[in-house]
Amino acid sequence: MADLSSQLEDPLAHRALDALVRAGSRVTRSLAAELEQRGLSTTAFSMLVVLVSAGGSQELRVLRLRLGISKASASEVATTLSERGLVRRERSDHDRRAVTLRATRAGERLLDELFPGHARRVRDAFGPLDDEEKRALTRLCRKLAA
């Protein structure tokens, strides 16, 4: 069997990747559990949060870019939210090819219900870090995402 560790050009980068993936998985699992019990993926919840935070309506293209997801994923999530009556899909007034999503009252109520618990779980997930560590983590992740 080949010794893969001897083929690593930057072993420290691989250790960082492993730590990032493990931490991301743990945090995502802890945040997703209650949402999944309510039939929402973390992406659907995030889309609803961004939509409501933007005043209740937003072009799907803008939501997709803001969330960093593919067209196909954004369309699938929007369809699921629409089928559940949490958003309405409308053609954009200024570009008939574009789709605008509007949060329904049911979508806003669900978000009002779920968000406080979600906010607590986020706080708890990042509880082991002090404020400076949270700032540093944010800075480093943004640097990697650029």
N, C-alpha and C. Protein backbone atom coordinates (compact mmCIF):
# COMPACT_ATOMS: atom_id res chain seq x y z
N MET A 1 0.84 -1.18 0.00
CA MET A 1 0.00 0.00 0.00
C MET A 1 0.89 1.25 0.00
N ALA A 2 0.50 2.24 -0.77
CA ALA A 2 1.30 3.46 -0.91
C ALA A 2 1.22 4.29 0.36
N ASP A 3 2.30 4.96 0.68
CA ASP A 3 2.34 5.89 1.81
C ASP A 3 1.90 7.26 1.30
N LEU A 4 0.62 7.56 1.47
CA LEU A 4 0.07 8.80 0.93
C LEU A 4 0.63 10.03 1.64
N SER A 5 0.95 9.90 2.93
CA SER A 5 1.44 11.07 3.67
C SER A 5 2.76 11.59 3.09
N SER A 6 3.54 10.70 2.50
CA SER A 6 4.81 11.15 1.93
C SER A 6 4.59 11.91 0.61
N GLN A 7 3.38 11.84 0.05
CA GLN A 7 3.07 12.51 -1.20
C GLN A 7 2.43 13.88 -1.00
N LEU A 8 2.17 14.25 0.24
CA LEU A 8 1.54 15.53 0.52
C LEU A 8 2.53 16.67 0.30
N GLU A 9 2.12 17.63 -0.50
CA GLU A 9 2.98 18.80 -0.74
C GLU A 9 2.91 19.77 0.43
N ASP A 10 1.78 19.79 1.12
CA ASP A 10 1.60 20.71 2.24
C ASP A 10 0.79 20.00 3.33
N PRO A 11 1.46 19.21 4.17
CA PRO A 11 0.75 18.44 5.20
C PRO A 11 -0.08 19.33 6.14
N LEU A 12 0.40 20.51 6.42
CA LEU A 12 -0.33 21.41 7.31
C LEU A 12 -1.67 21.83 6.69
N ALA A 13 -1.68 22.05 5.39
CA ALA A 13 -2.93 22.38 4.70
C ALA A 13 -3.93 21.23 4.82
N HIS A 14 -3.45 20.01 4.74
CA HIS A 14 -4.34 18.85 4.87
C HIS A 14 -4.88 18.72 6.29
N ARG A 15 -4.05 19.03 7.28
CA ARG A 15 -4.53 19.02 8.67
C ARG A 15 -5.59 20.11 8.86
N ALA A 16 -5.35 21.27 8.27
CA ALA A 16 -6.33 22.37 8.38
C ALA A 16 -7.64 21.98 7.70
N LEU A 17 -7.54 21.36 6.53
CA LEU A 17 -8.75 20.91 5.83
C LEU A 17 -9.52 19.91 6.68
N ASP A 18 -8.83 18.95 7.24
CA ASP A 18 -9.49 17.94 8.08
C ASP A 18 -10.20 18.61 9.25
N ALA A 19 -9.54 19.53 9.92
CA ALA A 19 -10.14 20.22 11.06
C ALA A 19 -11.35 21.04 10.63
N LEU A 20 -11.24 21.73 9.50
CA LEU A 20 -12.34 22.55 8.99
C LEU A 20 -13.55 21.69 8.64
N VAL A 21 -13.32 20.59 7.95
CA VAL A 21 -14.42 19.70 7.56
C VAL A 21 -15.09 19.09 8.79
N ARG A 22 -14.30 18.64 9.74
CA ARG A 22 -14.87 18.05 10.97
C ARG A 22 -15.68 19.07 11.75
N ALA A 23 -15.13 20.26 11.93
CA ALA A 23 -15.85 21.30 12.67
C ALA A 23 -17.12 21.71 11.93
N GLY A 24 -17.01 21.88 10.62
CA GLY A 24 -18.18 22.25 9.83
C GLY A 24 -19.29 21.21 9.91
N SER A 25 -18.91 19.95 9.85
CA SER A 25 -19.89 18.86 9.94
C SER A 25 -20.57 18.86 11.31
N ARG A 26 -19.79 19.01 12.36
CA ARG A 26 -20.38 19.00 13.71
C ARG A 26 -21.35 20.15 13.90
N VAL A 27 -20.93 21.34 13.50
CA VAL A 27 -21.79 22.52 13.67
C VAL A 27 -23.05 22.37 12.81
N THR A 28 -22.88 21.94 11.58
CA THR A 28 -24.03 21.77 10.68
C THR A 28 -25.02 20.75 11.24
N ARG A 29 -24.52 19.63 11.74
CA ARG A 29 -25.41 18.61 12.32
C ARG A 29 -26.18 19.17 13.52
N SER A 30 -25.49 19.92 14.37
CA SER A 30 -26.17 20.44 15.56
C SER A 30 -27.22 21.49 15.20
N LEU A 31 -27.01 22.22 14.11
CA LEU A 31 -27.98 23.24 13.71
C LEU A 31 -29.12 22.66 12.88
N ALA A 32 -28.88 21.54 12.21
CA ALA A 32 -29.86 21.00 11.28
C ALA A 32 -30.94 20.14 11.94
N ALA A 33 -30.66 19.56 13.09
CA ALA A 33 -31.57 18.57 13.68
C ALA A 33 -33.00 19.08 13.84
N GLU A 34 -33.20 20.20 14.51
CA GLU A 34 -34.56 20.70 14.74
C GLU A 34 -35.21 21.13 13.43
N LEU A 35 -34.42 21.73 12.55
CA LEU A 35 -34.98 22.16 11.26
C LEU A 35 -35.50 20.96 10.48
N GLU A 36 -34.73 19.88 10.48
CA GLU A 36 -35.14 18.68 9.75
C GLU A 36 -36.40 18.07 10.35
N GLN A 37 -36.56 18.17 11.67
CA GLN A 37 -37.78 17.68 12.31
C GLN A 37 -39.00 18.46 11.82
N ARG A 38 -38.77 19.70 11.42
CA ARG A 38 -39.85 20.54 10.90
C ARG A 38 -39.93 20.49 9.38
N GLY A 39 -39.13 19.62 8.77
CA GLY A 39 -39.18 19.42 7.33
C GLY A 39 -38.42 20.45 6.51
N LEU A 40 -37.47 21.13 7.13
CA LEU A 40 -36.68 22.14 6.42
C LEU A 40 -35.21 21.74 6.39
N SER A 41 -34.60 21.88 5.24
CA SER A 41 -33.15 21.72 5.16
C SER A 41 -32.52 23.01 5.68
N THR A 42 -31.23 22.94 5.99
CA THR A 42 -30.55 24.16 6.44
C THR A 42 -30.55 25.20 5.31
N THR A 43 -30.47 24.75 4.06
CA THR A 43 -30.49 25.69 2.93
C THR A 43 -31.85 26.36 2.82
N ALA A 44 -32.93 25.60 2.98
CA ALA A 44 -34.27 26.18 2.92
C ALA A 44 -34.47 27.19 4.05
N PHE A 45 -34.01 26.85 5.24
CA PHE A 45 -34.11 27.77 6.37
C PHE A 45 -33.32 29.04 6.08
N SER A 46 -32.09 28.88 5.59
CA SER A 46 -31.26 30.04 5.27
C SER A 46 -31.91 30.91 4.21
N MET A 47 -32.52 30.28 3.21
CA MET A 47 -33.18 31.05 2.16
C MET A 47 -34.34 31.85 2.75
N LEU A 48 -35.09 31.23 3.63
CA LEU A 48 -36.21 31.92 4.27
C LEU A 48 -35.72 33.08 5.14
N VAL A 49 -34.62 32.87 5.87
CA VAL A 49 -34.05 33.93 6.71
C VAL A 49 -33.61 35.12 5.85
N VAL A 50 -32.87 34.84 4.78
CA VAL A 50 -32.39 35.92 3.91
C VAL A 50 -33.56 36.64 3.27
N LEU A 51 -34.55 35.89 2.84
CA LEU A 51 -35.72 36.47 2.18
C LEU A 51 -36.48 37.41 3.12
N VAL A 52 -36.77 36.95 4.32
CA VAL A 52 -37.50 37.77 5.29
C VAL A 52 -36.65 38.96 5.73
N SER A 53 -35.35 38.75 5.92
CA SER A 53 -34.45 39.84 6.32
C SER A 53 -34.36 40.92 5.25
N ALA A 54 -34.60 40.54 3.99
CA ALA A 54 -34.54 41.49 2.88
C ALA A 54 -35.88 42.20 2.67
N GLY A 55 -36.79 42.07 3.62
CA GLY A 55 -38.07 42.75 3.50
C GLY A 55 -39.18 41.86 2.97
N GLY A 56 -38.91 40.59 2.79
CA GLY A 56 -39.96 39.66 2.40
C GLY A 56 -39.96 39.25 0.94
N SER A 57 -39.17 39.93 0.11
CA SER A 57 -39.11 39.52 -1.30
C SER A 57 -37.71 39.76 -1.84
N GLN A 58 -37.34 38.87 -2.76
CA GLN A 58 -35.99 38.94 -3.34
C GLN A 58 -35.97 38.08 -4.60
N GLU A 59 -35.19 38.52 -5.57
CA GLU A 59 -35.02 37.69 -6.76
C GLU A 59 -34.28 36.42 -6.37
N LEU A 60 -34.68 35.31 -6.98
CA LEU A 60 -34.05 34.03 -6.70
C LEU A 60 -32.56 34.08 -7.02
N ARG A 61 -32.19 34.78 -8.07
CA ARG A 61 -30.77 34.92 -8.45
C ARG A 61 -29.97 35.56 -7.32
N VAL A 62 -30.52 36.59 -6.71
CA VAL A 62 -29.84 37.29 -5.61
C VAL A 62 -29.72 36.37 -4.40
N LEU A 63 -30.79 35.65 -4.09
CA LEU A 63 -30.75 34.70 -2.98
C LEU A 63 -29.69 33.63 -3.22
N ARG A 64 -29.64 33.14 -4.44
CA ARG A 64 -28.68 32.09 -4.81
C ARG A 64 -27.25 32.58 -4.60
N LEU A 65 -26.97 33.79 -5.07
CA LEU A 65 -25.62 34.34 -4.93
C LEU A 65 -25.29 34.60 -3.46
N ARG A 66 -26.24 35.11 -2.74
CA ARG A 66 -26.02 35.42 -1.32
C ARG A 66 -25.73 34.15 -0.51
N LEU A 67 -26.41 33.05 -0.88
CA LEU A 67 -26.23 31.80 -0.15
C LEU A 67 -25.09 30.94 -0.71
N GLY A 68 -24.59 31.33 -1.89
CA GLY A 68 -23.50 30.58 -2.50
C GLY A 68 -23.91 29.19 -2.96
N ILE A 69 -25.13 29.07 -3.51
CA ILE A 69 -25.61 27.77 -3.97
C ILE A 69 -25.83 27.81 -5.48
N SER A 70 -25.91 26.63 -6.08
CA SER A 70 -26.09 26.52 -7.53
C SER A 70 -27.51 26.91 -7.94
N LYS A 71 -27.68 27.18 -9.23
CA LYS A 71 -29.01 27.46 -9.78
C LYS A 71 -29.96 26.31 -9.51
N ALA A 72 -29.49 25.10 -9.76
CA ALA A 72 -30.34 23.92 -9.58
C ALA A 72 -30.77 23.77 -8.13
N SER A 73 -29.85 23.95 -7.21
CA SER A 73 -30.17 23.84 -5.79
C SER A 73 -31.14 24.93 -5.36
N ALA A 74 -30.88 26.16 -5.80
CA ALA A 74 -31.76 27.28 -5.45
C ALA A 74 -33.17 27.03 -5.98
N SER A 75 -33.27 26.55 -7.19
CA SER A 75 -34.57 26.28 -7.79
C SER A 75 -35.30 25.17 -7.04
N GLU A 76 -34.58 24.12 -6.68
CA GLU A 76 -35.17 23.01 -5.94
C GLU A 76 -35.68 23.46 -4.57
N VAL A 77 -34.87 24.23 -3.86
CA VAL A 77 -35.26 24.72 -2.53
C VAL A 77 -36.46 25.66 -2.65
N ALA A 78 -36.43 26.55 -3.64
CA ALA A 78 -37.55 27.47 -3.85
C ALA A 78 -38.84 26.71 -4.14
N THR A 79 -38.74 25.66 -4.93
CA THR A 79 -39.90 24.83 -5.25
C THR A 79 -40.45 24.17 -3.98
N THR A 80 -39.58 23.63 -3.16
CA THR A 80 -39.99 23.00 -1.91
C THR A 80 -40.68 24.01 -0.99
N LEU A 81 -40.09 25.19 -0.84
CA LEU A 81 -40.69 26.23 0.01
C LEU A 81 -42.05 26.65 -0.55
N SER A 82 -42.15 26.76 -1.86
CA SER A 82 -43.40 27.14 -2.51
C SER A 82 -44.47 26.07 -2.31
N GLU A 83 -44.10 24.82 -2.49
CA GLU A 83 -45.05 23.72 -2.31
C GLU A 83 -45.57 23.65 -0.88
N ARG A 84 -44.76 24.06 0.07
CA ARG A 84 -45.18 24.07 1.49
C ARG A 84 -45.94 25.33 1.85
N GLY A 85 -46.08 26.25 0.89
CA GLY A 85 -46.83 27.48 1.14
C GLY A 85 -46.06 28.51 1.94
N LEU A 86 -44.73 28.39 1.97
CA LEU A 86 -43.90 29.31 2.76
C LEU A 86 -43.42 30.50 1.93
N VAL A 87 -43.41 30.35 0.61
CA VAL A 87 -43.07 31.44 -0.31
C VAL A 87 -43.99 31.36 -1.52
N ARG A 88 -44.08 32.48 -2.23
CA ARG A 88 -44.76 32.52 -3.54
C ARG A 88 -43.71 32.88 -4.57
N ARG A 89 -43.80 32.22 -5.72
CA ARG A 89 -42.92 32.53 -6.85
C ARG A 89 -43.67 33.49 -7.76
N GLU A 90 -43.00 34.54 -8.17
CA GLU A 90 -43.59 35.52 -9.08
C GLU A 90 -42.56 35.89 -10.13
N ARG A 91 -43.03 36.29 -11.28
CA ARG A 91 -42.13 36.82 -12.30
C ARG A 91 -41.74 38.23 -11.88
N SER A 92 -40.49 38.56 -12.08
CA SER A 92 -39.98 39.88 -11.74
C SER A 92 -40.65 40.95 -12.60
N ASP A 93 -40.94 42.10 -12.02
CA ASP A 93 -41.55 43.21 -12.75
C ASP A 93 -40.61 43.77 -13.81
N HIS A 94 -39.31 43.81 -13.51
CA HIS A 94 -38.37 44.45 -14.44
C HIS A 94 -37.70 43.47 -15.41
N ASP A 95 -37.81 42.16 -15.15
CA ASP A 95 -37.24 41.16 -16.06
C ASP A 95 -38.12 39.92 -15.98
N ARG A 96 -38.95 39.73 -16.96
CA ARG A 96 -39.93 38.63 -16.94
C ARG A 96 -39.28 37.24 -16.87
N ARG A 97 -37.99 37.14 -17.21
CA ARG A 97 -37.30 35.85 -17.11
C ARG A 97 -36.90 35.54 -15.68
N ALA A 98 -36.79 36.56 -14.86
CA ALA A 98 -36.34 36.39 -13.48
C ALA A 98 -37.50 36.02 -12.57
N VAL A 99 -37.20 35.22 -11.56
CA VAL A 99 -38.19 34.81 -10.57
C VAL A 99 -37.92 35.55 -9.27
N THR A 100 -38.98 36.10 -8.71
CA THR A 100 -38.91 36.73 -7.40
C THR A 100 -39.64 35.85 -6.41
N LEU A 101 -39.05 35.66 -5.24
CA LEU A 101 -39.72 34.92 -4.17
C LEU A 101 -40.26 35.91 -3.16
N ARG A 102 -41.47 35.64 -2.69
CA ARG A 102 -42.09 36.45 -1.65
C ARG A 102 -42.46 35.54 -0.49
N ALA A 103 -42.05 35.91 0.70
CA ALA A 103 -42.41 35.13 1.88
C ALA A 103 -43.90 35.28 2.12
N THR A 104 -44.55 34.17 2.43
CA THR A 104 -45.96 34.22 2.79
C THR A 104 -46.06 34.44 4.29
N ARG A 105 -47.25 34.68 4.75
CA ARG A 105 -47.47 34.85 6.19
C ARG A 105 -47.07 33.55 6.92
N ALA A 106 -47.39 32.40 6.31
CA ALA A 106 -47.01 31.12 6.91
C ALA A 106 -45.49 30.99 7.02
N GLY A 107 -44.77 31.45 6.01
CA GLY A 107 -43.31 31.42 6.04
C GLY A 107 -42.75 32.31 7.13
N GLU A 108 -43.33 33.50 7.26
CA GLU A 108 -42.89 34.42 8.31
C GLU A 108 -43.18 33.85 9.70
N ARG A 109 -44.36 33.23 9.87
CA ARG A 109 -44.70 32.63 11.17
C ARG A 109 -43.75 31.49 11.52
N LEU A 110 -43.44 30.64 10.53
CA LEU A 110 -42.53 29.53 10.78
C LEU A 110 -41.15 30.06 11.18
N LEU A 111 -40.69 31.08 10.49
CA LEU A 111 -39.39 31.66 10.83
C LEU A 111 -39.41 32.26 12.23
N ASP A 112 -40.50 32.97 12.58
CA ASP A 112 -40.63 33.53 13.93
C ASP A 112 -40.57 32.43 14.99
N GLU A 113 -41.13 31.28 14.65
CA GLU A 113 -41.15 30.14 15.57
C GLU A 113 -39.77 29.50 15.73
N LEU A 114 -39.08 29.31 14.61
CA LEU A 114 -37.83 28.56 14.61
C LEU A 114 -36.59 29.39 14.92
N PHE A 115 -36.62 30.67 14.61
CA PHE A 115 -35.38 31.45 14.69
C PHE A 115 -34.80 31.58 16.10
N PRO A 116 -35.61 31.81 17.13
CA PRO A 116 -35.00 31.92 18.46
C PRO A 116 -34.20 30.68 18.88
N GLY A 117 -34.73 29.49 18.62
CA GLY A 117 -34.02 28.27 18.94
C GLY A 117 -32.76 28.12 18.11
N HIS A 118 -32.86 28.49 16.84
CA HIS A 118 -31.70 28.44 15.95
C HIS A 118 -30.60 29.38 16.46
N ALA A 119 -31.00 30.59 16.84
CA ALA A 119 -30.02 31.57 17.34
C ALA A 119 -29.32 31.04 18.60
N ARG A 120 -30.07 30.38 19.47
CA ARG A 120 -29.46 29.78 20.67
C ARG A 120 -28.48 28.67 20.30
N ARG A 121 -28.85 27.83 19.33
CA ARG A 121 -27.96 26.74 18.92
C ARG A 121 -26.68 27.28 18.28
N VAL A 122 -26.79 28.36 17.52
CA VAL A 122 -25.59 28.98 16.93
C VAL A 122 -24.70 29.51 18.06
N ARG A 123 -25.31 30.21 19.00
CA ARG A 123 -24.53 30.73 20.14
C ARG A 123 -23.82 29.59 20.87
N ASP A 124 -24.55 28.49 21.12
CA ASP A 124 -23.97 27.36 21.84
C ASP A 124 -22.87 26.67 21.03
N ALA A 125 -23.07 26.55 19.72
CA ALA A 125 -22.08 25.89 18.87
C ALA A 125 -20.75 26.63 18.87
N PHE A 126 -20.82 27.96 18.97
CA PHE A 126 -19.61 28.77 18.95
C PHE A 126 -19.19 29.22 20.36
N GLY A 127 -19.86 28.68 21.37
CA GLY A 127 -19.55 29.01 22.76
C GLY A 127 -18.12 28.76 23.17
N PRO A 128 -17.47 27.70 22.66
CA PRO A 128 -16.07 27.46 23.07
C PRO A 128 -15.10 28.54 22.59
N LEU A 129 -15.52 29.39 21.65
CA LEU A 129 -14.64 30.43 21.13
C LEU A 129 -14.92 31.76 21.81
N ASP A 130 -13.87 32.52 22.10
CA ASP A 130 -14.09 33.88 22.60
C ASP A 130 -14.31 34.80 21.39
N ASP A 131 -14.64 36.05 21.65
CA ASP A 131 -14.99 36.98 20.57
C ASP A 131 -13.85 37.15 19.56
N GLU A 132 -12.63 37.22 20.04
CA GLU A 132 -11.50 37.39 19.11
C GLU A 132 -11.32 36.15 18.23
N GLU A 133 -11.52 34.98 18.80
CA GLU A 133 -11.43 33.76 18.01
C GLU A 133 -12.54 33.70 16.96
N LYS A 134 -13.73 34.15 17.31
CA LYS A 134 -14.83 34.19 16.33
C LYS A 134 -14.50 35.16 15.19
N ARG A 135 -13.93 36.31 15.53
CA ARG A 135 -13.51 37.27 14.49
C ARG A 135 -12.44 36.66 13.59
N ALA A 136 -11.47 35.99 14.20
CA ALA A 136 -10.38 35.37 13.44
C ALA A 136 -10.93 34.26 12.52
N LEU A 137 -11.83 33.45 13.05
CA LEU A 137 -12.43 32.38 12.25
C LEU A 137 -13.20 32.97 11.07
N THR A 138 -13.96 34.00 11.31
CA THR A 138 -14.70 34.67 10.23
C THR A 138 -13.74 35.19 9.17
N ARG A 139 -12.69 35.84 9.61
CA ARG A 139 -11.69 36.41 8.69
C ARG A 139 -11.03 35.29 7.85
N LEU A 140 -10.65 34.22 8.50
CA LEU A 140 -9.98 33.13 7.80
C LEU A 140 -10.93 32.43 6.80
N CYS A 141 -12.15 32.21 7.21
CA CYS A 141 -13.11 31.55 6.29
C CYS A 141 -13.40 32.45 5.09
N ARG A 142 -13.54 33.74 5.32
CA ARG A 142 -13.76 34.66 4.19
C ARG A 142 -12.56 34.66 3.25
N LYS A 143 -11.38 34.58 3.82
CA LYS A 143 -10.16 34.55 3.01
C LYS A 143 -10.13 33.28 2.14
N LEU A 144 -10.51 32.15 2.72
CA LEU A 144 -10.56 30.90 1.96
C LEU A 144 -11.64 30.93 0.89
N ALA A 145 -12.75 31.61 1.17
CA ALA A 145 -13.88 31.65 0.24
C ALA A 145 -13.66 32.62 -0.92
N ALA A 146 -12.69 33.51 -0.75
CA ALA A 146 -12.45 34.53 -1.80
C ALA A 146 -11.83 33.96 -3.06
